[in-house]
Amino acid sequence: MRAASPALAAVLLACGGHPPDVIFLPSATDVVTRMLEIARVDSTDVVFDLGCGDGRIVIAEARDRGARGVCVDIDTSLVAKSRHNADTAGVADRIEFRHADMFETDLGSATVVALYLSPSLNVRLRPKLFREVRPGAWIVSHNFDMGDWKPDTVVRVTWPAGTTSTVQAWQLPADVAGTWDIAVSDDPAERRFRVHFVQQYQQLSGTASEEGHAMTVAGARLAGDSVGFELSRPTGDHLELLRLSGTVSGSEMMGTVSSAGSAAARSWRAARP
């Protein structure tokens, strides 16, 4: 076995014997600004930067937007550098510094996850993001995509030197795939529907019925934990159309429903059978 070079040995030591998956390349200030803008970071957010390098993203969100940050890196020297930079910027008290493997880091408290990794690492992270991060949270990546999960937002940023970077963002969708029983408040009685959704990330389609009569599902959309869709069917000489919008909370949904020709909004709720 070939002996490691002194430079490689130093990196392995800093990383606890685990080589880093990517080398540290800093994002330009303009790119960092756009990442935080696209993710709509404010003082209520907790921003996780996975592979945080010198800490510039978590420092910017804490300094400029009053958010809290978690800086995760496998390289102890970079974690130390991040802490030093945050101390210098006067925001170290708003940032948690973790020398850790991002695949072993609990992301449950994240409302924004920032990435500048690689295409393959992003795809490897994707199941963990869906498993641990709450619906509605933003995933924002410098340059690299998430495979077949298409971004909600794409922005191109030109650096002062003329180089162009791409910032992509995804709002983590709730899981609504499968069958739901929906009750709509009506006068004088409730109406009940059964809807089956097919979901591919934030893309939705579906089928529906009411008392055995087929209905058309159209305009289905999902943004984080917000859902909306239309139910329609021919009734006599006209088309009955119901527009439902609401929020998803685990195995329940609820919201308001409106119909053509009626100004009154009614409530609806749904549960999995």
C-alpha atoms as a PDB file:
ATOM      1  CA  MET A   1       0.000   0.000   0.000  1.00  0.00           C
ATOM      2  CA  ARG A   2       1.354   3.380  -0.981  1.00  0.00           C
ATOM      3  CA  ALA A   3       1.988   5.786   1.875  1.00  0.00           C
ATOM      4  CA  ALA A   4      -0.208   8.882   1.874  1.00  0.00           C
ATOM      5  CA  SER A   5       1.481  12.118   0.952  1.00  0.00           C
ATOM      6  CA  PRO A   6       1.955  14.623   3.789  1.00  0.00           C
ATOM      7  CA  ALA A   7      -0.769  16.845   2.305  1.00  0.00           C
ATOM      8  CA  LEU A   8      -3.263  13.978   2.038  1.00  0.00           C
ATOM      9  CA  ALA A   9      -2.337  12.756   5.522  1.00  0.00           C
ATOM     10  CA  ALA A  10      -3.086  16.219   6.912  1.00  0.00           C
ATOM     11  CA  VAL A  11      -6.504  16.279   5.202  1.00  0.00           C
ATOM     12  CA  LEU A  12      -7.376  12.794   6.463  1.00  0.00           C
ATOM     13  CA  LEU A  13      -6.353  13.765   9.980  1.00  0.00           C
ATOM     14  CA  ALA A  14      -8.504  16.900   9.844  1.00  0.00           C
ATOM     15  CA  CYS A  15     -11.426  14.803   8.598  1.00  0.00           C
ATOM     16  CA  GLY A  16     -11.115  12.132  11.253  1.00  0.00           C
ATOM     17  CA  GLY A  17      -9.642   9.650   8.793  1.00  0.00           C
ATOM     18  CA  HIS A  18     -12.536  10.061   6.337  1.00  0.00           C
ATOM     19  CA  PRO A  19     -11.568  11.797   3.092  1.00  0.00           C
ATOM     20  CA  PRO A  20     -13.828  14.727   2.129  1.00  0.00           C
ATOM     21  CA  ASP A  21     -16.296  13.948  -0.663  1.00  0.00           C
ATOM     22  CA  VAL A  22     -15.580  17.265  -2.389  1.00  0.00           C
ATOM     23  CA  ILE A  23     -12.915  19.932  -2.117  1.00  0.00           C
ATOM     24  CA  PHE A  24     -13.864  23.281  -0.640  1.00  0.00           C
ATOM     25  CA  LEU A  25     -14.600  25.947  -3.243  1.00  0.00           C
ATOM     26  CA  PRO A  26     -16.135  29.152  -1.878  1.00  0.00           C
ATOM     27  CA  SER A  27     -19.283  30.661  -3.377  1.00  0.00           C
ATOM     28  CA  ALA A  28     -19.040  34.282  -4.472  1.00  0.00           C
ATOM     29  CA  THR A  29     -20.782  36.860  -2.287  1.00  0.00           C
ATOM     30  CA  ASP A  30     -23.403  37.565  -4.969  1.00  0.00           C
ATOM     31  CA  VAL A  31     -24.202  33.860  -5.205  1.00  0.00           C
ATOM     32  CA  VAL A  32     -24.613  33.576  -1.429  1.00  0.00           C
ATOM     33  CA  THR A  33     -26.932  36.598  -1.460  1.00  0.00           C
ATOM     34  CA  ARG A  34     -29.100  35.064  -4.178  1.00  0.00           C
ATOM     35  CA  MET A  35     -29.222  31.707  -2.401  1.00  0.00           C
ATOM     36  CA  LEU A  36     -30.598  33.360   0.722  1.00  0.00           C
ATOM     37  CA  GLU A  37     -33.025  35.501  -1.284  1.00  0.00           C
ATOM     38  CA  ILE A  38     -34.435  32.548  -3.203  1.00  0.00           C
ATOM     39  CA  ALA A  39     -34.888  30.558   0.011  1.00  0.00           C
ATOM     40  CA  ARG A  40     -36.643  33.606   1.535  1.00  0.00           C
ATOM     41  CA  VAL A  41     -34.499  33.414   4.654  1.00  0.00           C
ATOM     42  CA  ASP A  42     -35.648  35.551   7.574  1.00  0.00           C
ATOM     43  CA  SER A  43     -35.175  35.689  11.334  1.00  0.00           C
ATOM     44  CA  THR A  44     -37.418  32.664  11.914  1.00  0.00           C
ATOM     45  CA  ASP A  45     -35.225  30.310   9.871  1.00  0.00           C
ATOM     46  CA  VAL A  46     -32.621  27.730  10.801  1.00  0.00           C
ATOM     47  CA  VAL A  47     -30.178  27.370   7.908  1.00  0.00           C
ATOM     48  CA  PHE A  48     -28.078  24.219   7.652  1.00  0.00           C
ATOM     49  CA  ASP A  49     -25.021  24.520   5.402  1.00  0.00           C
ATOM     50  CA  LEU A  50     -23.799  21.010   4.604  1.00  0.00           C
ATOM     51  CA  GLY A  51     -20.113  21.212   3.780  1.00  0.00           C
ATOM     52  CA  CYS A  52     -19.966  24.758   5.138  1.00  0.00           C
ATOM     53  CA  GLY A  53     -16.295  25.448   4.323  1.00  0.00           C
ATOM     54  CA  ASP A  54     -15.312  28.847   5.702  1.00  0.00           C
ATOM     55  CA  GLY A  55     -18.848  29.533   6.982  1.00  0.00           C
ATOM     56  CA  ARG A  56     -19.722  32.328   4.582  1.00  0.00           C
ATOM     57  CA  ILE A  57     -23.325  31.187   4.001  1.00  0.00           C
ATOM     58  CA  VAL A  58     -24.297  30.799   7.670  1.00  0.00           C
ATOM     59  CA  ILE A  59     -22.440  33.999   8.528  1.00  0.00           C
ATOM     60  CA  ALA A  60     -24.347  35.916   5.836  1.00  0.00           C
ATOM     61  CA  GLU A  61     -27.754  34.610   6.930  1.00  0.00           C
ATOM     62  CA  ALA A  62     -27.047  35.442  10.572  1.00  0.00           C
ATOM     63  CA  ARG A  63     -25.527  38.873   9.865  1.00  0.00           C
ATOM     64  CA  ASP A  64     -27.880  40.057   7.116  1.00  0.00           C
ATOM     65  CA  ARG A  65     -31.146  38.282   7.901  1.00  0.00           C
ATOM     66  CA  GLY A  66     -31.082  37.523  11.613  1.00  0.00           C
ATOM     67  CA  ALA A  67     -31.527  33.787  11.115  1.00  0.00           C
ATOM     68  CA  ARG A  68     -29.824  30.999  13.017  1.00  0.00           C
ATOM     69  CA  GLY A  69     -27.368  28.656  11.328  1.00  0.00           C
ATOM     70  CA  VAL A  70     -25.798  25.231  11.610  1.00  0.00           C
ATOM     71  CA  CYS A  71     -22.374  24.869   9.973  1.00  0.00           C
ATOM     72  CA  VAL A  72     -21.553  21.204   9.198  1.00  0.00           C
ATOM     73  CA  ASP A  73     -18.201  20.074   7.818  1.00  0.00           C
ATOM     74  CA  ILE A  74     -16.122  16.918   8.069  1.00  0.00           C
ATOM     75  CA  ASP A  75     -12.877  18.926   8.034  1.00  0.00           C
ATOM     76  CA  THR A  76     -11.964  20.158  11.520  1.00  0.00           C
ATOM     77  CA  SER A  77      -9.728  22.893  10.111  1.00  0.00           C
ATOM     78  CA  LEU A  78     -12.645  24.340   8.136  1.00  0.00           C
ATOM     79  CA  VAL A  79     -14.956  24.156  11.148  1.00  0.00           C
ATOM     80  CA  ALA A  80     -12.330  26.091  13.129  1.00  0.00           C
ATOM     81  CA  LYS A  81     -11.998  28.610  10.305  1.00  0.00           C
ATOM     82  CA  SER A  82     -15.775  29.050  10.149  1.00  0.00           C
ATOM     83  CA  ARG A  83     -15.936  29.664  13.883  1.00  0.00           C
ATOM     84  CA  HIS A  84     -13.117  32.224  13.661  1.00  0.00           C
ATOM     85  CA  ASN A  85     -14.840  34.027  10.762  1.00  0.00           C
ATOM     86  CA  ALA A  86     -18.152  34.059  12.639  1.00  0.00           C
ATOM     87  CA  ASP A  87     -16.427  35.477  15.731  1.00  0.00           C
ATOM     88  CA  THR A  88     -14.894  38.198  13.581  1.00  0.00           C
ATOM     89  CA  ALA A  89     -18.318  38.988  12.078  1.00  0.00           C
ATOM     90  CA  GLY A  90     -19.907  39.092  15.536  1.00  0.00           C
ATOM     91  CA  VAL A  91     -22.484  36.361  14.819  1.00  0.00           C
ATOM     92  CA  ALA A  92     -20.931  33.242  16.368  1.00  0.00           C
ATOM     93  CA  ASP A  93     -23.667  33.169  19.020  1.00  0.00           C
ATOM     94  CA  ARG A  94     -26.248  32.566  16.271  1.00  0.00           C
ATOM     95  CA  ILE A  95     -24.409  29.648  14.658  1.00  0.00           C
ATOM     96  CA  GLU A  96     -23.829  26.075  15.781  1.00  0.00           C
ATOM     97  CA  PHE A  97     -20.607  24.528  14.488  1.00  0.00           C
ATOM     98  CA  ARG A  98     -20.495  20.771  13.953  1.00  0.00           C
ATOM     99  CA  HIS A  99     -17.528  18.645  12.953  1.00  0.00           C
ATOM    100  CA  ALA A 100     -19.630  15.866  11.437  1.00  0.00           C
ATOM    101  CA  ASP A 101     -20.496  13.785   8.410  1.00  0.00           C
ATOM    102  CA  MET A 102     -23.501  15.396   6.739  1.00  0.00           C
ATOM    103  CA  PHE A 103     -25.045  11.960   6.122  1.00  0.00           C
ATOM    104  CA  GLU A 104     -25.042  11.365   9.886  1.00  0.00           C
ATOM    105  CA  THR A 105     -26.350  14.827  10.808  1.00  0.00           C
ATOM    106  CA  ASP A 106     -29.938  15.161  12.013  1.00  0.00           C
ATOM    107  CA  LEU A 107     -31.657  17.708   9.751  1.00  0.00           C
ATOM    108  CA  GLY A 108     -34.975  17.745  11.597  1.00  0.00           C
ATOM    109  CA  SER A 109     -34.729  21.380  12.731  1.00  0.00           C
ATOM    110  CA  ALA A 110     -33.723  22.774   9.326  1.00  0.00           C
ATOM    111  CA  THR A 111     -36.016  25.190   7.519  1.00  0.00           C
ATOM    112  CA  VAL A 112     -33.384  25.846   4.827  1.00  0.00           C
ATOM    113  CA  VAL A 113     -30.604  23.522   3.635  1.00  0.00           C
ATOM    114  CA  ALA A 114     -27.761  25.101   1.626  1.00  0.00           C
ATOM    115  CA  LEU A 115     -25.531  22.989  -0.618  1.00  0.00           C
ATOM    116  CA  TYR A 116     -22.472  23.428  -2.813  1.00  0.00           C
ATOM    117  CA  LEU A 117     -21.462  19.817  -3.287  1.00  0.00           C
ATOM    118  CA  SER A 118     -21.705  17.796  -6.525  1.00  0.00           C
ATOM    119  CA  PRO A 119     -24.473  16.229  -8.631  1.00  0.00           C
ATOM    120  CA  SER A 120     -23.856  12.748  -7.207  1.00  0.00           C
ATOM    121  CA  LEU A 121     -23.771  13.944  -3.589  1.00  0.00           C
ATOM    122  CA  ASN A 122     -26.991  15.910  -4.062  1.00  0.00           C
ATOM    123  CA  VAL A 123     -28.736  12.785  -5.339  1.00  0.00           C
ATOM    124  CA  ARG A 124     -27.331  10.723  -2.458  1.00  0.00           C
ATOM    125  CA  LEU A 125     -28.656  13.320  -0.005  1.00  0.00           C
ATOM    126  CA  ARG A 126     -32.128  13.434  -1.550  1.00  0.00           C
ATOM    127  CA  PRO A 127     -33.673  10.501   0.386  1.00  0.00           C
ATOM    128  CA  LYS A 128     -32.321  11.911   3.659  1.00  0.00           C
ATOM    129  CA  LEU A 129     -33.807  15.329   2.887  1.00  0.00           C
ATOM    130  CA  PHE A 130     -37.243  13.823   2.229  1.00  0.00           C
ATOM    131  CA  ARG A 131     -36.989  11.645   5.312  1.00  0.00           C
ATOM    132  CA  GLU A 132     -35.831  14.262   7.826  1.00  0.00           C
ATOM    133  CA  VAL A 133     -36.622  17.783   6.619  1.00  0.00           C
ATOM    134  CA  ARG A 134     -40.095  19.170   7.167  1.00  0.00           C
ATOM    135  CA  PRO A 135     -42.389  19.944   4.202  1.00  0.00           C
ATOM    136  CA  GLY A 136     -42.160  23.588   3.167  1.00  0.00           C
ATOM    137  CA  ALA A 137     -38.445  23.849   3.881  1.00  0.00           C
ATOM    138  CA  TRP A 138     -36.207  25.122   1.088  1.00  0.00           C
ATOM    139  CA  ILE A 139     -33.263  23.229  -0.389  1.00  0.00           C
ATOM    140  CA  VAL A 140     -30.947  25.614  -2.255  1.00  0.00           C
ATOM    141  CA  SER A 141     -27.928  24.528  -4.263  1.00  0.00           C
ATOM    142  CA  HIS A 142     -25.079  26.364  -5.939  1.00  0.00           C
ATOM    143  CA  ASN A 143     -24.597  24.967  -9.471  1.00  0.00           C
ATOM    144  CA  PHE A 144     -25.722  21.367  -8.979  1.00  0.00           C
ATOM    145  CA  ASP A 145     -29.136  19.813  -9.484  1.00  0.00           C
ATOM    146  CA  MET A 146     -31.072  17.036  -7.727  1.00  0.00           C
ATOM    147  CA  GLY A 147     -31.288  14.543 -10.578  1.00  0.00           C
ATOM    148  CA  ASP A 148     -34.874  14.057 -11.757  1.00  0.00           C
ATOM    149  CA  TRP A 149     -36.290  16.293  -8.995  1.00  0.00           C
ATOM    150  CA  LYS A 150     -36.859  19.468 -10.977  1.00  0.00           C
ATOM    151  CA  PRO A 151     -36.216  22.793  -9.173  1.00  0.00           C
ATOM    152  CA  ASP A 152     -38.969  25.260  -8.343  1.00  0.00           C
ATOM    153  CA  THR A 153     -36.625  28.187  -9.039  1.00  0.00           C
ATOM    154  CA  VAL A 154     -33.517  28.619 -11.172  1.00  0.00           C
ATOM    155  CA  VAL A 155     -31.463  31.838 -11.188  1.00  0.00           C
ATOM    156  CA  ARG A 156     -28.202  32.573 -12.987  1.00  0.00           C
ATOM    157  CA  VAL A 157     -25.691  34.846 -11.270  1.00  0.00           C
ATOM    158  CA  THR A 158     -22.789  36.514 -13.042  1.00  0.00           C
ATOM    159  CA  TRP A 159     -19.651  36.916 -10.935  1.00  0.00           C
ATOM    160  CA  PRO A 160     -17.605  40.136 -11.167  1.00  0.00           C
ATOM    161  CA  ALA A 161     -14.989  38.209 -13.183  1.00  0.00           C
ATOM    162  CA  GLY A 162     -17.659  37.230 -15.726  1.00  0.00           C
ATOM    163  CA  THR A 163     -18.137  33.604 -14.644  1.00  0.00           C
ATOM    164  CA  THR A 164     -21.754  32.478 -14.410  1.00  0.00           C
ATOM    165  CA  SER A 165     -23.172  30.357 -11.597  1.00  0.00           C
ATOM    166  CA  THR A 166     -26.576  28.735 -11.315  1.00  0.00           C
ATOM    167  CA  VAL A 167     -28.618  28.777  -8.124  1.00  0.00           C
ATOM    168  CA  GLN A 168     -31.418  26.208  -7.912  1.00  0.00           C
ATOM    169  CA  ALA A 169     -34.037  25.862  -5.192  1.00  0.00           C
ATOM    170  CA  TRP A 170     -36.633  23.282  -4.255  1.00  0.00           C
ATOM    171  CA  GLN A 171     -39.419  23.616  -1.708  1.00  0.00           C
ATOM    172  CA  LEU A 172     -39.727  20.237  -0.029  1.00  0.00           C
ATOM    173  CA  PRO A 173     -43.206  18.863  -0.833  1.00  0.00           C
ATOM    174  CA  ALA A 174     -45.489  17.099   1.610  1.00  0.00           C
ATOM    175  CA  ASP A 175     -46.316  13.461   0.946  1.00  0.00           C
ATOM    176  CA  VAL A 176     -49.855  13.310  -0.439  1.00  0.00           C
ATOM    177  CA  ALA A 177     -49.537  10.241  -2.679  1.00  0.00           C
ATOM    178  CA  GLY A 178     -52.337   7.726  -2.271  1.00  0.00           C
ATOM    179  CA  THR A 179     -56.017   7.759  -1.359  1.00  0.00           C
ATOM    180  CA  TRP A 180     -57.850  10.420   0.650  1.00  0.00           C
ATOM    181  CA  ASP A 181     -61.440  10.668   1.871  1.00  0.00           C
ATOM    182  CA  ILE A 182     -62.624  14.266   1.641  1.00  0.00           C
ATOM    183  CA  ALA A 183     -65.601  15.813   3.428  1.00  0.00           C
ATOM    184  CA  VAL A 184     -66.900  19.193   2.220  1.00  0.00           C
ATOM    185  CA  SER A 185     -69.229  21.176   4.466  1.00  0.00           C
ATOM    186  CA  ASP A 186     -72.435  21.960   2.611  1.00  0.00           C
ATOM    187  CA  ASP A 187     -75.970  23.047   3.308  1.00  0.00           C
ATOM    188  CA  PRO A 188     -77.813  21.005   4.413  1.00  0.00           C
ATOM    189  CA  ALA A 189     -75.379  18.061   4.536  1.00  0.00           C
ATOM    190  CA  GLU A 190     -71.755  17.144   3.973  1.00  0.00           C
ATOM    191  CA  ARG A 191     -70.576  15.937   0.606  1.00  0.00           C
ATOM    192  CA  ARG A 192     -67.995  13.172   0.517  1.00  0.00           C
ATOM    193  CA  PHE A 193     -65.402  12.486  -2.149  1.00  0.00           C
ATOM    194  CA  ARG A 194     -62.616   9.979  -2.578  1.00  0.00           C
ATOM    195  CA  VAL A 195     -59.455  11.223  -4.300  1.00  0.00           C
ATOM    196  CA  HIS A 196     -56.381   9.240  -5.288  1.00  0.00           C
ATOM    197  CA  PHE A 197     -53.221  11.259  -5.930  1.00  0.00           C
ATOM    198  CA  VAL A 198     -50.204  10.171  -7.944  1.00  0.00           C
ATOM    199  CA  GLN A 199     -47.165  12.219  -6.864  1.00  0.00           C
ATOM    200  CA  GLN A 200     -43.762  12.761  -8.440  1.00  0.00           C
ATOM    201  CA  TYR A 201     -42.004  15.180  -6.075  1.00  0.00           C
ATOM    202  CA  GLN A 202     -44.062  18.423  -6.317  1.00  0.00           C
ATOM    203  CA  GLN A 203     -46.023  17.256  -9.388  1.00  0.00           C
ATOM    204  CA  LEU A 204     -49.547  15.904  -8.780  1.00  0.00           C
ATOM    205  CA  SER A 205     -52.244  14.175 -10.801  1.00  0.00           C
ATOM    206  CA  GLY A 206     -55.215  12.171  -9.654  1.00  0.00           C
ATOM    207  CA  THR A 207     -58.624  10.606  -9.972  1.00  0.00           C
ATOM    208  CA  ALA A 208     -61.761  11.193  -7.902  1.00  0.00           C
ATOM    209  CA  SER A 209     -65.319  10.060  -7.320  1.00  0.00           C
ATOM    210  CA  GLU A 210     -68.430  11.048  -5.376  1.00  0.00           C
ATOM    211  CA  GLU A 211     -70.826   8.246  -4.407  1.00  0.00           C
ATOM    212  CA  GLY A 212     -69.450   6.110  -7.199  1.00  0.00           C
ATOM    213  CA  HIS A 213     -69.666   8.839  -9.855  1.00  0.00           C
ATOM    214  CA  ALA A 214     -66.333   9.660 -11.506  1.00  0.00           C
ATOM    215  CA  MET A 215     -65.021  13.208 -11.269  1.00  0.00           C
ATOM    216  CA  THR A 216     -62.144  14.936 -13.029  1.00  0.00           C
ATOM    217  CA  VAL A 217     -59.140  16.144 -11.037  1.00  0.00           C
ATOM    218  CA  ALA A 218     -57.410  19.141 -12.621  1.00  0.00           C
ATOM    219  CA  GLY A 219     -54.992  21.896 -11.675  1.00  0.00           C
ATOM    220  CA  ALA A 220     -53.424  19.828  -8.892  1.00  0.00           C
ATOM    221  CA  ARG A 221     -50.488  21.643  -7.340  1.00  0.00           C
ATOM    222  CA  LEU A 222     -48.257  21.182  -4.321  1.00  0.00           C
ATOM    223  CA  ALA A 223     -45.933  23.761  -2.775  1.00  0.00           C
ATOM    224  CA  GLY A 224     -44.431  22.591   0.478  1.00  0.00           C
ATOM    225  CA  ASP A 225     -47.391  21.778   2.712  1.00  0.00           C
ATOM    226  CA  SER A 226     -49.852  23.794   0.597  1.00  0.00           C
ATOM    227  CA  VAL A 227     -52.088  21.847  -1.764  1.00  0.00           C
ATOM    228  CA  GLY A 228     -54.713  22.829  -4.304  1.00  0.00           C
ATOM    229  CA  PHE A 229     -56.820  21.039  -6.918  1.00  0.00           C
ATOM    230  CA  GLU A 230     -60.133  21.185  -8.768  1.00  0.00           C
ATOM    231  CA  LEU A 231     -62.908  18.602  -8.873  1.00  0.00           C
ATOM    232  CA  SER A 232     -65.445  18.717 -11.691  1.00  0.00           C
ATOM    233  CA  ARG A 233     -68.165  16.695 -13.406  1.00  0.00           C
ATOM    234  CA  PRO A 234     -71.067  17.364 -15.786  1.00  0.00           C
ATOM    235  CA  THR A 235     -74.337  17.942 -13.938  1.00  0.00           C
ATOM    236  CA  GLY A 236     -77.373  18.356 -16.150  1.00  0.00           C
ATOM    237  CA  ASP A 237     -76.602  21.047 -18.690  1.00  0.00           C
ATOM    238  CA  HIS A 238     -73.641  22.562 -16.876  1.00  0.00           C
ATOM    239  CA  LEU A 239     -70.238  21.646 -15.438  1.00  0.00           C
ATOM    240  CA  GLU A 240     -69.974  21.607 -11.661  1.00  0.00           C
ATOM    241  CA  LEU A 241     -66.558  22.866 -10.558  1.00  0.00           C
ATOM    242  CA  LEU A 242     -65.143  22.859  -7.018  1.00  0.00           C
ATOM    243  CA  ARG A 243     -61.825  24.528  -6.208  1.00  0.00           C
ATOM    244  CA  LEU A 244     -60.110  23.218  -3.083  1.00  0.00           C
ATOM    245  CA  SER A 245     -57.048  24.709  -1.414  1.00  0.00           C
ATOM    246  CA  GLY A 246     -55.522  23.932   1.938  1.00  0.00           C
ATOM    247  CA  THR A 247     -52.626  22.583   3.959  1.00  0.00           C
ATOM    248  CA  VAL A 248     -51.238  19.124   4.583  1.00  0.00           C
ATOM    249  CA  SER A 249     -50.388  17.989   8.107  1.00  0.00           C
ATOM    250  CA  GLY A 250     -49.206  14.388   8.157  1.00  0.00           C
ATOM    251  CA  SER A 251     -52.185  12.165   7.390  1.00  0.00           C
ATOM    252  CA  GLU A 252     -54.685  15.036   7.362  1.00  0.00           C
ATOM    253  CA  MET A 253     -55.543  17.926   5.051  1.00  0.00           C
ATOM    254  CA  MET A 254     -57.902  20.838   5.529  1.00  0.00           C
ATOM    255  CA  GLY A 255     -58.796  24.094   3.844  1.00  0.00           C
ATOM    256  CA  THR A 256     -61.473  26.001   1.973  1.00  0.00           C
ATOM    257  CA  VAL A 257     -63.493  25.205  -1.132  1.00  0.00           C
ATOM    258  CA  SER A 258     -65.171  27.566  -3.583  1.00  0.00           C
ATOM    259  CA  SER A 259     -67.416  26.869  -6.534  1.00  0.00           C
ATOM    260  CA  ALA A 260     -68.363  28.691  -9.715  1.00  0.00           C
ATOM    261  CA  GLY A 261     -71.252  31.076  -9.168  1.00  0.00           C
ATOM    262  CA  SER A 262     -70.928  31.074  -5.376  1.00  0.00           C
ATOM    263  CA  ALA A 263     -69.116  33.719  -3.359  1.00  0.00           C
ATOM    264  CA  ALA A 264     -69.363  31.716  -0.128  1.00  0.00           C
ATOM    265  CA  ALA A 265     -66.282  29.730   0.879  1.00  0.00           C
ATOM    266  CA  ARG A 266     -66.848  26.430   2.633  1.00  0.00           C
ATOM    267  CA  SER A 267     -64.468  24.237   4.576  1.00  0.00           C
ATOM    268  CA  TRP A 268     -63.118  20.819   3.720  1.00  0.00           C
ATOM    269  CA  ARG A 269     -61.065  18.232   5.507  1.00  0.00           C
ATOM    270  CA  ALA A 270     -59.434  15.007   4.398  1.00  0.00           C
ATOM    271  CA  ALA A 271     -57.927  11.917   5.945  1.00  0.00           C
ATOM    272  CA  ARG A 272     -56.387   8.739   4.660  1.00  0.00           C
ATOM    273  CA  PRO A 273     -58.850   5.815   4.851  1.00  0.00           C
END
